[in-house]
Amino acid sequence: MKLQILIATLLAASATSALAATYNVDPTHTYPSFEADHMGVSVWRGKFNKTSGTVTMDRAAKTGGLDLTIDPASINFGFDKMDTHAKGPDMFNVEKFPTITYKSKSFKFDGDKLVGVDGELTMLGVTKPVMLKVNKFTCIMHPRYKKEVCGADATAEFKRTDFGLNYGTPAFAPEVKLAIQIEAIKAD
């Protein structure tokens, strides 16, 4: 009897994990952006133009994973001189630190709705926990790709100084608002 229960449990677990799906981040529809203080006078906004990664998700089990890689050399403020400065050693130091990563530890659900991602951001060689609040999450059968596409709008706040990005402090406040628009296409 115990063997039958063990076999049934293993079969149920393997059936649940079979429902997990992998999605490849669509780099043409995924742009992490941010807002940062500019000497208390205004708020500067920028985005990163190159992002890659994967999302794994099992909606039935309410589990998942997010693995993003951001190219800081793709930073875009809409102002070439500021882009060049931001890539240099004062800020993102892209020669020494060519990637920024976000790796999830867990997904948070409220019922069937994805509401958060608990993970770690690594920037300038420093890794710190950053919780993403998922403001919107939707999956559809994409009419052009003929595959499921999931998208989300997520936000977070952190202090850039916690990662060693100290340029301009204290005249420039360290708080940063992060927004990530992401779309990912189900893998075959």
Foldseek 3Di string as FASTA:
>chain_A
DVVVVVVVVVVVVVVQVVQKFKWKWDLVFKKKKKWWFDLVPDIQIKIASGKTWMKIDRLVVQWIKTKMKTFLLRICRVDVVVSVVCCPPLHQVCVVPGIKIWIFPIWDADVSHTFKTWIWIAGLNDIDIWIKGWPDKDWDCDPVVSFIKIKTKIKTKDFVVNNVNCPPPPSIPRIMIMIITIMTTTDD
